[in-house]
Structures are given as C-alpha cells and as structure tokens.
Amino acid sequence: MLNLQNAHIKPFRKRIFASAVLSAVLFAVPALAHKTFLWPTKFMWQPGDTVEIALTSALAFPKLEFGPGKDRIAFSSVVLAGQDIRATTLTENKTYLNMTFKADHAGFGVASMSSKTRSGAIKPEDTEGYLEEIGANAAVRKAFNDLPGTPPLNRSYNKHTKTFFCVKTCTDGANAKYKPVGQKLEFVASKSGDRKFVLLLDGKPLAGQDVVVYDIDDKGHKTVTDKNGMVIVDHPHSGAAMLTAVWITMPAKPDGVYHSDYTALTLKVAHSH
C-alpha cells in the first residue's frame, strides 16, 4: 500500500464537488469538507452534573450544524477519573448527536467516538477536485487519470473524534490523556508539556504529518509533527481549541479504493508561559 503522510484537510473550493459527494455522506455532509468533532457544553463540570457532549460536523469550528444518526457510530467511550462510564445515552438531533451521562465522581475525562466506514464513488468529472482535497500527489493523480476510459474514483473514509474535560478537578485520572483509546488515528497528550500532543497511527507516533490547530474563531494554524509524532501548539492561543489531521492510504493500484482517516481532538489549551 502507498501511504501519503502529508495530506491535510483543506476547505472545498468547488460547489459542484460538494454537491457531487453529497450522496455518499458520513454525517449528512461531504467526507472532508466539514470539520467533525466532539464539543462539550463546557470543559469543567461538577459532581452530580449531567455532562453533555455533542458530536457534530460543521463548516466552521465550533458551530453545531449536522448531527449523525446513532447507527453511524462504530465506537464510543467515556473514561472519567480512570473509570469507564457505561451508563451513557445518545440522543439524535438535527444539528448534533448528544451524548449524556451522570458525573458521579470527580476527575479528568476523555470522551471519544469513531464512525463506521463509509464508501462510495466520485464521478469522473469530479475526481480531480477530490484528489486535490485528500492531498494526493501528482504521481498518484497522473496514475489514476491515465486509466483507460473515464472511471469513477472509489473512496472510503472513517472519522475519529476525542475531547478532554474535567469534573471539579483535572488531577484525578489525568493519565488517561496520555493513553490511546484504540482509534486508527488519534491525538494523545504529551507528558513533556501541557501544549504538546502526539499523533498516533495504529497506536504508534506518526512523524512528518500535517496538523491544523483551530481556535475558537475557526482560525487554522498549520504545523507538522516531528520525528516523534509530536506537535506543539506554539501560536499565542489559549482556551478552547481543536487539533485535526487526516491520514490517506492510497491503493496498491490506481483503480483501487482511496481511504482516509480523519481525527479531531477538542480541549481547553493551557496558557503559554
């Protein structure tokens, strides 16, 4: 398999492409056009509260625009103060899928969800736009375009989301932020600093990968993971933020399936010193 490590999410620039992929959606939106993320009503809760965390897709972070159905979820998990929370409820909403649970003890929390695989074909007239959006390099584009006739482009994708939150304190169970939850592509915190994170692919650090950090005004700041898969939020930002990345797995043959794994982590970033 050929892997394109430096792909990243870009805004769609062609309305015709957005409408073409609408029939093969994950959260009722195009595969890579929208940001998909978990968004808690707040990042600090109190014991006894009913915690609410929205799963949504939107053109701009942190708007809530498109909510998936419960049947689109392949994996969900909540760990609070080192304990698995089993009693969670999912409620469908037009603009988000709402996860709720009772905060019966204090500590650091990690909520995560991953989608089921979605697949479909891109019409021949829209393949150039799609290859551009997933970050395919010139050689791969040429290989596909040199196929005889005008075949559709076959693609599939999964989306993986996480959020960090706290109940009264962020100390108890804080080790959970350093541990992967088992998603194909995911961010974990780094023990070397509050503003440092590691991007994992199949549980291993992913070097040289593009990452985009969004602030609360949806301003994106692009960076790249180092040789240890680490990325530093070094721009002058604090407060709510989102880290995103996408890994593209190219097929062995040009007429195969082009698969993407998208990941997003939302959290409250510590002040820089």
C-alpha atoms as a PDB file:
ATOM      1  CA  MET A   1       0.000   0.000   0.000  1.00  0.00           C
ATOM      2  CA  LEU A   2       1.176   3.519  -0.734  1.00  0.00           C
ATOM      3  CA  ASN A   3       0.678   5.938   2.154  1.00  0.00           C
ATOM      4  CA  LEU A   4       0.524   9.698   1.725  1.00  0.00           C
ATOM      5  CA  GLN A   5       1.637  11.086   5.067  1.00  0.00           C
ATOM      6  CA  ASN A   6       1.489  14.801   4.394  1.00  0.00           C
ATOM      7  CA  ALA A   7      -2.180  15.120   3.427  1.00  0.00           C
ATOM      8  CA  HIS A   8      -4.316  17.587   5.342  1.00  0.00           C
ATOM      9  CA  ILE A   9      -7.852  18.884   5.312  1.00  0.00           C
ATOM     10  CA  LYS A  10      -8.482  21.876   3.052  1.00  0.00           C
ATOM     11  CA  PRO A  11     -11.700  23.838   2.574  1.00  0.00           C
ATOM     12  CA  PHE A  12     -13.617  22.860  -0.534  1.00  0.00           C
ATOM     13  CA  ARG A  13     -13.377  25.465  -3.248  1.00  0.00           C
ATOM     14  CA  LYS A  14     -15.802  23.969  -5.729  1.00  0.00           C
ATOM     15  CA  ARG A  15     -19.550  23.948  -5.116  1.00  0.00           C
ATOM     16  CA  ILE A  16     -20.033  21.321  -7.795  1.00  0.00           C
ATOM     17  CA  PHE A  17     -17.700  18.933  -5.979  1.00  0.00           C
ATOM     18  CA  ALA A  18     -19.505  19.420  -2.683  1.00  0.00           C
ATOM     19  CA  SER A  19     -22.836  18.532  -4.267  1.00  0.00           C
ATOM     20  CA  ALA A  20     -21.374  15.538  -6.106  1.00  0.00           C
ATOM     21  CA  VAL A  21     -20.262  13.752  -2.934  1.00  0.00           C
ATOM     22  CA  LEU A  22     -23.434  14.560  -1.013  1.00  0.00           C
ATOM     23  CA  SER A  23     -24.884  11.154  -1.831  1.00  0.00           C
ATOM     24  CA  ALA A  24     -22.086   9.306  -0.018  1.00  0.00           C
ATOM     25  CA  VAL A  25     -22.019  11.120   3.290  1.00  0.00           C
ATOM     26  CA  LEU A  26     -20.973  10.231   6.802  1.00  0.00           C
ATOM     27  CA  PHE A  27     -22.790  12.876   8.806  1.00  0.00           C
ATOM     28  CA  ALA A  28     -25.063  14.130   6.014  1.00  0.00           C
ATOM     29  CA  VAL A  29     -22.145  16.198   4.679  1.00  0.00           C
ATOM     30  CA  PRO A  30     -19.214  15.633   2.286  1.00  0.00           C
ATOM     31  CA  ALA A  31     -16.424  13.424   3.570  1.00  0.00           C
ATOM     32  CA  LEU A  32     -13.669  16.005   4.013  1.00  0.00           C
ATOM     33  CA  ALA A  33     -15.403  19.346   3.535  1.00  0.00           C
ATOM     34  CA  HIS A  34     -16.703  19.662   7.081  1.00  0.00           C
ATOM     35  CA  LYS A  35     -14.906  19.538  10.395  1.00  0.00           C
ATOM     36  CA  THR A  36     -16.238  16.718  12.589  1.00  0.00           C
ATOM     37  CA  PHE A  37     -15.673  16.962  16.331  1.00  0.00           C
ATOM     38  CA  LEU A  38     -16.922  16.376  19.866  1.00  0.00           C
ATOM     39  CA  TRP A  39     -17.965  19.552  21.644  1.00  0.00           C
ATOM     40  CA  PRO A  40     -18.828  19.534  25.366  1.00  0.00           C
ATOM     41  CA  THR A  41     -21.273  22.153  26.629  1.00  0.00           C
ATOM     42  CA  LYS A  42     -18.413  23.160  28.943  1.00  0.00           C
ATOM     43  CA  PHE A  43     -14.987  21.762  29.800  1.00  0.00           C
ATOM     44  CA  MET A  44     -15.358  21.910  33.602  1.00  0.00           C
ATOM     45  CA  TRP A  45     -18.277  20.191  35.369  1.00  0.00           C
ATOM     46  CA  GLN A  46     -19.286  19.480  38.961  1.00  0.00           C
ATOM     47  CA  PRO A  47     -20.070  16.129  40.601  1.00  0.00           C
ATOM     48  CA  GLY A  48     -23.754  15.363  40.139  1.00  0.00           C
ATOM     49  CA  ASP A  49     -23.992  17.240  36.841  1.00  0.00           C
ATOM     50  CA  THR A  50     -25.362  15.620  33.719  1.00  0.00           C
ATOM     51  CA  VAL A  51     -22.498  16.008  31.274  1.00  0.00           C
ATOM     52  CA  GLU A  52     -23.500  16.835  27.690  1.00  0.00           C
ATOM     53  CA  ILE A  53     -21.139  16.312  24.751  1.00  0.00           C
ATOM     54  CA  ALA A  54     -22.227  16.957  21.155  1.00  0.00           C
ATOM     55  CA  LEU A  55     -20.914  15.107  18.121  1.00  0.00           C
ATOM     56  CA  THR A  56     -21.316  17.313  15.069  1.00  0.00           C
ATOM     57  CA  SER A  57     -19.979  18.293  11.651  1.00  0.00           C
ATOM     58  CA  ALA A  58     -19.740  21.927  10.598  1.00  0.00           C
ATOM     59  CA  LEU A  59     -18.072  24.161   8.071  1.00  0.00           C
ATOM     60  CA  ALA A  60     -16.747  26.336  10.909  1.00  0.00           C
ATOM     61  CA  PHE A  61     -15.499  25.339  14.376  1.00  0.00           C
ATOM     62  CA  PRO A  62     -17.201  25.228  16.868  1.00  0.00           C
ATOM     63  CA  LYS A  63     -20.628  25.555  15.214  1.00  0.00           C
ATOM     64  CA  LEU A  64     -23.115  22.690  15.515  1.00  0.00           C
ATOM     65  CA  GLU A  65     -24.571  22.093  12.044  1.00  0.00           C
ATOM     66  CA  PHE A  66     -25.058  18.425  11.131  1.00  0.00           C
ATOM     67  CA  GLY A  67     -25.821  15.584  13.512  1.00  0.00           C
ATOM     68  CA  PRO A  68     -25.252  11.896  12.649  1.00  0.00           C
ATOM     69  CA  GLY A  69     -27.641   9.090  13.440  1.00  0.00           C
ATOM     70  CA  LYS A  70     -26.782   6.678  16.225  1.00  0.00           C
ATOM     71  CA  ASP A  71     -26.393   3.906  13.670  1.00  0.00           C
ATOM     72  CA  ARG A  72     -23.365   5.690  12.178  1.00  0.00           C
ATOM     73  CA  ILE A  73     -21.288   5.176  15.334  1.00  0.00           C
ATOM     74  CA  ALA A  74     -18.888   2.229  15.423  1.00  0.00           C
ATOM     75  CA  PHE A  75     -17.174   3.049  18.716  1.00  0.00           C
ATOM     76  CA  SER A  76     -17.797   5.298  21.706  1.00  0.00           C
ATOM     77  CA  SER A  77     -16.103   5.569  25.074  1.00  0.00           C
ATOM     78  CA  VAL A  78     -16.056   7.764  28.176  1.00  0.00           C
ATOM     79  CA  VAL A  79     -13.378   7.438  30.852  1.00  0.00           C
ATOM     80  CA  LEU A  80     -13.695   9.621  33.960  1.00  0.00           C
ATOM     81  CA  ALA A  81     -11.077   9.590  36.740  1.00  0.00           C
ATOM     82  CA  GLY A  82      -9.727   6.338  35.353  1.00  0.00           C
ATOM     83  CA  GLN A  83     -13.114   4.591  35.353  1.00  0.00           C
ATOM     84  CA  ASP A  84     -15.173   3.560  32.323  1.00  0.00           C
ATOM     85  CA  ILE A  85     -18.591   5.218  32.227  1.00  0.00           C
ATOM     86  CA  ARG A  86     -21.043   2.659  30.868  1.00  0.00           C
ATOM     87  CA  ALA A  87     -24.321   4.483  31.506  1.00  0.00           C
ATOM     88  CA  THR A  88     -24.229   6.896  28.567  1.00  0.00           C
ATOM     89  CA  THR A  89     -27.187   7.979  26.446  1.00  0.00           C
ATOM     90  CA  LEU A  90     -27.146   9.058  22.798  1.00  0.00           C
ATOM     91  CA  THR A  91     -29.924  11.317  21.533  1.00  0.00           C
ATOM     92  CA  GLU A  92     -30.270  12.289  17.885  1.00  0.00           C
ATOM     93  CA  ASN A  93     -30.681  15.925  16.952  1.00  0.00           C
ATOM     94  CA  LYS A  94     -30.686  17.693  13.601  1.00  0.00           C
ATOM     95  CA  THR A  95     -27.502  19.605  14.358  1.00  0.00           C
ATOM     96  CA  TYR A  96     -25.679  17.140  16.655  1.00  0.00           C
ATOM     97  CA  LEU A  97     -25.733  13.728  18.292  1.00  0.00           C
ATOM     98  CA  ASN A  98     -25.929  14.355  22.029  1.00  0.00           C
ATOM     99  CA  MET A  99     -24.056  12.122  24.488  1.00  0.00           C
ATOM    100  CA  THR A 100     -25.125  12.463  28.136  1.00  0.00           C
ATOM    101  CA  PHE A 101     -24.064  10.782  31.381  1.00  0.00           C
ATOM    102  CA  LYS A 102     -24.047  11.480  35.109  1.00  0.00           C
ATOM    103  CA  ALA A 103     -20.808  12.831  36.594  1.00  0.00           C
ATOM    104  CA  ASP A 104     -20.920  10.782  39.797  1.00  0.00           C
ATOM    105  CA  HIS A 105     -17.283  11.384  40.723  1.00  0.00           C
ATOM    106  CA  ALA A 106     -14.558  13.990  40.128  1.00  0.00           C
ATOM    107  CA  GLY A 107     -11.534  13.825  37.854  1.00  0.00           C
ATOM    108  CA  PHE A 108     -10.167  14.063  34.333  1.00  0.00           C
ATOM    109  CA  GLY A 109     -12.339  12.783  31.489  1.00  0.00           C
ATOM    110  CA  VAL A 110     -11.830  11.580  27.922  1.00  0.00           C
ATOM    111  CA  ALA A 111     -14.775  11.029  25.584  1.00  0.00           C
ATOM    112  CA  SER A 112     -14.275   9.510  22.144  1.00  0.00           C
ATOM    113  CA  MET A 113     -16.277   8.317  19.144  1.00  0.00           C
ATOM    114  CA  SER A 114     -15.434   6.774  15.773  1.00  0.00           C
ATOM    115  CA  SER A 115     -17.653   6.311  12.751  1.00  0.00           C
ATOM    116  CA  LYS A 116     -18.375   3.229  10.720  1.00  0.00           C
ATOM    117  CA  THR A 117     -16.583   3.033   7.383  1.00  0.00           C
ATOM    118  CA  ARG A 118     -18.364   4.873   4.624  1.00  0.00           C
ATOM    119  CA  SER A 119     -17.614   4.356   0.941  1.00  0.00           C
ATOM    120  CA  GLY A 120     -18.766   5.492  -2.470  1.00  0.00           C
ATOM    121  CA  ALA A 121     -17.650   6.581  -5.903  1.00  0.00           C
ATOM    122  CA  ILE A 122     -16.758  10.055  -7.114  1.00  0.00           C
ATOM    123  CA  LYS A 123     -17.981  10.923 -10.602  1.00  0.00           C
ATOM    124  CA  PRO A 124     -15.250  11.163 -13.267  1.00  0.00           C
ATOM    125  CA  GLU A 125     -15.751  14.908 -13.721  1.00  0.00           C
ATOM    126  CA  ASP A 126     -15.142  15.458 -10.005  1.00  0.00           C
ATOM    127  CA  THR A 127     -12.145  13.180  -9.401  1.00  0.00           C
ATOM    128  CA  GLU A 128      -9.515  15.917  -9.847  1.00  0.00           C
ATOM    129  CA  GLY A 129     -11.200  18.002  -7.155  1.00  0.00           C
ATOM    130  CA  TYR A 130     -11.399  15.076  -4.786  1.00  0.00           C
ATOM    131  CA  LEU A 131      -7.770  14.011  -5.304  1.00  0.00           C
ATOM    132  CA  GLU A 132      -6.746  17.576  -4.549  1.00  0.00           C
ATOM    133  CA  GLU A 133      -8.816  17.665  -1.369  1.00  0.00           C
ATOM    134  CA  ILE A 134      -7.345  14.428   0.030  1.00  0.00           C
ATOM    135  CA  GLY A 135      -3.810  15.576  -0.760  1.00  0.00           C
ATOM    136  CA  ALA A 136      -2.913  13.071  -3.478  1.00  0.00           C
ATOM    137  CA  ASN A 137       0.454  13.851  -5.027  1.00  0.00           C
ATOM    138  CA  ALA A 138       0.976  14.499  -8.740  1.00  0.00           C
ATOM    139  CA  ALA A 139       2.220  10.972  -9.474  1.00  0.00           C
ATOM    140  CA  VAL A 140      -0.861   9.358  -7.946  1.00  0.00           C
ATOM    141  CA  ARG A 141      -3.184  11.755  -9.768  1.00  0.00           C
ATOM    142  CA  LYS A 142      -1.463  11.001 -13.076  1.00  0.00           C
ATOM    143  CA  ALA A 143      -1.678   7.239 -12.481  1.00  0.00           C
ATOM    144  CA  PHE A 144      -5.411   7.481 -11.896  1.00  0.00           C
ATOM    145  CA  ASN A 145      -6.008   9.886 -14.771  1.00  0.00           C
ATOM    146  CA  ASP A 146      -4.078   7.595 -17.137  1.00  0.00           C
ATOM    147  CA  LEU A 147      -6.526   4.745 -16.551  1.00  0.00           C
ATOM    148  CA  PRO A 148      -8.393   3.830 -19.752  1.00  0.00           C
ATOM    149  CA  GLY A 149     -11.783   5.445 -20.202  1.00  0.00           C
ATOM    150  CA  THR A 150     -13.298   7.709 -17.552  1.00  0.00           C
ATOM    151  CA  PRO A 151     -13.761   5.516 -14.466  1.00  0.00           C
ATOM    152  CA  PRO A 152     -15.172   6.830 -11.176  1.00  0.00           C
ATOM    153  CA  LEU A 153     -12.835   7.197  -8.214  1.00  0.00           C
ATOM    154  CA  ASN A 154     -13.585   4.755  -5.408  1.00  0.00           C
ATOM    155  CA  ARG A 155     -13.070   6.091  -1.916  1.00  0.00           C
ATOM    156  CA  SER A 156     -13.847   5.236   1.693  1.00  0.00           C
ATOM    157  CA  TYR A 157     -13.324   7.003   4.997  1.00  0.00           C
ATOM    158  CA  ASN A 158     -13.672   6.944   8.790  1.00  0.00           C
ATOM    159  CA  LYS A 159     -13.809   9.796  11.272  1.00  0.00           C
ATOM    160  CA  HIS A 160     -12.367   9.641  14.785  1.00  0.00           C
ATOM    161  CA  THR A 161     -13.109  12.232  17.481  1.00  0.00           C
ATOM    162  CA  LYS A 162     -11.998  12.874  21.071  1.00  0.00           C
ATOM    163  CA  THR A 163     -12.439  15.555  23.713  1.00  0.00           C
ATOM    164  CA  PHE A 164     -10.836  16.248  27.096  1.00  0.00           C
ATOM    165  CA  PHE A 165     -12.939  17.575  30.003  1.00  0.00           C
ATOM    166  CA  CYS A 166     -12.845  17.704  33.800  1.00  0.00           C
ATOM    167  CA  VAL A 167     -15.248  17.216  36.710  1.00  0.00           C
ATOM    168  CA  LYS A 168     -14.284  19.573  39.592  1.00  0.00           C
ATOM    169  CA  THR A 169     -10.593  18.731  39.186  1.00  0.00           C
ATOM    170  CA  CYS A 170      -8.287  17.833  36.307  1.00  0.00           C
ATOM    171  CA  THR A 171      -5.889  15.889  38.533  1.00  0.00           C
ATOM    172  CA  ASP A 172      -7.511  12.555  39.370  1.00  0.00           C
ATOM    173  CA  GLY A 173      -7.167  10.121  36.478  1.00  0.00           C
ATOM    174  CA  ALA A 174      -5.156  12.587  34.388  1.00  0.00           C
ATOM    175  CA  ASN A 175      -3.036   9.759  32.979  1.00  0.00           C
ATOM    176  CA  ALA A 176      -5.957   8.981  30.659  1.00  0.00           C
ATOM    177  CA  LYS A 177      -4.990  11.889  28.414  1.00  0.00           C
ATOM    178  CA  TYR A 178      -1.675  10.186  27.609  1.00  0.00           C
ATOM    179  CA  LYS A 179      -3.244   6.838  26.692  1.00  0.00           C
ATOM    180  CA  PRO A 180      -4.695   5.918  23.285  1.00  0.00           C
ATOM    181  CA  VAL A 181      -8.282   4.690  23.188  1.00  0.00           C
ATOM    182  CA  GLY A 182      -7.619   2.453  20.192  1.00  0.00           C
ATOM    183  CA  GLN A 183      -8.701   4.641  17.288  1.00  0.00           C
ATOM    184  CA  LYS A 184      -6.936   4.215  13.949  1.00  0.00           C
ATOM    185  CA  LEU A 185      -5.733   7.822  14.084  1.00  0.00           C
ATOM    186  CA  GLU A 186      -5.806   9.847  17.313  1.00  0.00           C
ATOM    187  CA  PHE A 187      -4.125  12.528  19.381  1.00  0.00           C
ATOM    188  CA  VAL A 188      -2.888  11.991  22.926  1.00  0.00           C
ATOM    189  CA  ALA A 189      -1.310  14.489  25.302  1.00  0.00           C
ATOM    190  CA  SER A 190       2.446  14.503  25.725  1.00  0.00           C
ATOM    191  CA  LYS A 191       3.999  14.241  29.178  1.00  0.00           C
ATOM    192  CA  SER A 192       6.647  16.768  28.124  1.00  0.00           C
ATOM    193  CA  GLY A 193       4.318  19.784  28.250  1.00  0.00           C
ATOM    194  CA  ASP A 194       0.713  20.996  28.518  1.00  0.00           C
ATOM    195  CA  ARG A 195       0.740  22.367  24.968  1.00  0.00           C
ATOM    196  CA  LYS A 196       2.365  19.309  23.366  1.00  0.00           C
ATOM    197  CA  PHE A 197       0.496  16.420  21.741  1.00  0.00           C
ATOM    198  CA  VAL A 198       1.391  13.216  19.912  1.00  0.00           C
ATOM    199  CA  LEU A 199      -0.406  11.968  16.811  1.00  0.00           C
ATOM    200  CA  LEU A 200      -0.743   8.179  16.708  1.00  0.00           C
ATOM    201  CA  LEU A 201      -1.461   5.924  13.727  1.00  0.00           C
ATOM    202  CA  ASP A 202      -2.363   2.398  14.843  1.00  0.00           C
ATOM    203  CA  GLY A 203      -1.023   3.327  18.273  1.00  0.00           C
ATOM    204  CA  LYS A 204       2.402   4.441  17.017  1.00  0.00           C
ATOM    205  CA  PRO A 205       3.735   8.028  16.678  1.00  0.00           C
ATOM    206  CA  LEU A 206       3.248   9.428  13.175  1.00  0.00           C
ATOM    207  CA  ALA A 207       6.141  11.642  12.029  1.00  0.00           C
ATOM    208  CA  GLY A 208       6.002  14.324   9.346  1.00  0.00           C
ATOM    209  CA  GLN A 209       2.220  14.588   9.355  1.00  0.00           C
ATOM    210  CA  ASP A 210       0.362  17.839   8.728  1.00  0.00           C
ATOM    211  CA  VAL A 211      -1.791  19.020  11.642  1.00  0.00           C
ATOM    212  CA  VAL A 212      -4.128  22.008  11.762  1.00  0.00           C
ATOM    213  CA  VAL A 213      -4.948  23.683  15.089  1.00  0.00           C
ATOM    214  CA  TYR A 214      -8.163  25.732  15.181  1.00  0.00           C
ATOM    215  CA  ASP A 215      -9.001  28.368  17.753  1.00  0.00           C
ATOM    216  CA  ILE A 216     -12.481  29.369  18.897  1.00  0.00           C
ATOM    217  CA  ASP A 217     -12.810  31.751  15.921  1.00  0.00           C
ATOM    218  CA  ASP A 218     -12.128  28.911  13.435  1.00  0.00           C
ATOM    219  CA  LYS A 219      -8.720  30.318  12.538  1.00  0.00           C
ATOM    220  CA  GLY A 220      -6.464  27.463  11.448  1.00  0.00           C
ATOM    221  CA  HIS A 221      -2.765  27.250  12.231  1.00  0.00           C
ATOM    222  CA  LYS A 222      -0.877  24.595  10.269  1.00  0.00           C
ATOM    223  CA  THR A 223       2.029  22.683  11.774  1.00  0.00           C
ATOM    224  CA  VAL A 224       3.795  19.343  11.258  1.00  0.00           C
ATOM    225  CA  THR A 225       4.580  16.509  13.683  1.00  0.00           C
ATOM    226  CA  ASP A 226       8.261  15.986  14.463  1.00  0.00           C
ATOM    227  CA  LYS A 227      10.205  12.710  14.275  1.00  0.00           C
ATOM    228  CA  ASN A 228       8.474  11.561  17.469  1.00  0.00           C
ATOM    229  CA  GLY A 229       4.987  12.340  16.182  1.00  0.00           C
ATOM    230  CA  MET A 230       4.797  15.389  18.441  1.00  0.00           C
ATOM    231  CA  VAL A 231       3.142  18.672  17.657  1.00  0.00           C
ATOM    232  CA  ILE A 232       3.392  21.844  19.746  1.00  0.00           C
ATOM    233  CA  VAL A 233       0.610  24.407  19.959  1.00  0.00           C
ATOM    234  CA  ASP A 234       3.078  27.278  19.855  1.00  0.00           C
ATOM    235  CA  HIS A 235       0.985  30.104  18.457  1.00  0.00           C
ATOM    236  CA  PRO A 236      -0.287  32.622  21.055  1.00  0.00           C
ATOM    237  CA  HIS A 237      -3.550  30.829  21.768  1.00  0.00           C
ATOM    238  CA  SER A 238      -5.244  29.664  24.939  1.00  0.00           C
ATOM    239  CA  GLY A 239      -8.723  28.406  25.675  1.00  0.00           C
ATOM    240  CA  ALA A 240     -10.912  26.116  23.571  1.00  0.00           C
ATOM    241  CA  ALA A 241      -9.155  24.624  20.558  1.00  0.00           C
ATOM    242  CA  MET A 242      -9.245  21.728  18.121  1.00  0.00           C
ATOM    243  CA  LEU A 243      -6.417  19.694  16.608  1.00  0.00           C
ATOM    244  CA  THR A 244      -7.113  17.884  13.327  1.00  0.00           C
ATOM    245  CA  ALA A 245      -5.249  15.592  10.947  1.00  0.00           C
ATOM    246  CA  VAL A 246      -6.046  13.186   8.117  1.00  0.00           C
ATOM    247  CA  TRP A 247      -4.128  10.111   7.008  1.00  0.00           C
ATOM    248  CA  ILE A 248      -4.553   8.979   3.407  1.00  0.00           C
ATOM    249  CA  THR A 249      -3.978   5.327   2.474  1.00  0.00           C
ATOM    250  CA  MET A 250      -3.527   5.036  -1.261  1.00  0.00           C
ATOM    251  CA  PRO A 251      -4.392   1.778  -3.032  1.00  0.00           C
ATOM    252  CA  ALA A 252      -1.761  -0.528  -4.469  1.00  0.00           C
ATOM    253  CA  LYS A 253      -3.310   0.004  -7.916  1.00  0.00           C
ATOM    254  CA  PRO A 254      -4.701   3.281  -9.322  1.00  0.00           C
ATOM    255  CA  ASP A 255      -8.180   1.785  -9.758  1.00  0.00           C
ATOM    256  CA  GLY A 256      -8.389   0.706  -6.107  1.00  0.00           C
ATOM    257  CA  VAL A 257     -10.027   2.383  -3.107  1.00  0.00           C
ATOM    258  CA  TYR A 258      -8.566   5.624  -1.731  1.00  0.00           C
ATOM    259  CA  HIS A 259      -9.160   5.561   2.040  1.00  0.00           C
ATOM    260  CA  SER A 260      -8.909   8.444   4.522  1.00  0.00           C
ATOM    261  CA  ASP A 261      -8.902   8.504   8.322  1.00  0.00           C
ATOM    262  CA  TYR A 262      -9.736  11.878   9.857  1.00  0.00           C
ATOM    263  CA  THR A 263      -9.168  12.694  13.519  1.00  0.00           C
ATOM    264  CA  ALA A 264     -10.014  15.649  15.773  1.00  0.00           C
ATOM    265  CA  LEU A 265      -9.292  16.457  19.413  1.00  0.00           C
ATOM    266  CA  THR A 266     -11.081  19.296  21.217  1.00  0.00           C
ATOM    267  CA  LEU A 267      -9.866  20.633  24.547  1.00  0.00           C
ATOM    268  CA  LYS A 268      -9.064  23.719  26.559  1.00  0.00           C
ATOM    269  CA  VAL A 269      -5.448  24.638  25.851  1.00  0.00           C
ATOM    270  CA  ALA A 270      -3.330  25.854  28.753  1.00  0.00           C
ATOM    271  CA  HIS A 271      -1.856  29.353  28.699  1.00  0.00           C
ATOM    272  CA  SER A 272       1.643  29.593  27.221  1.00  0.00           C
ATOM    273  CA  HIS A 273       4.392  30.732  29.542  1.00  0.00           C
END
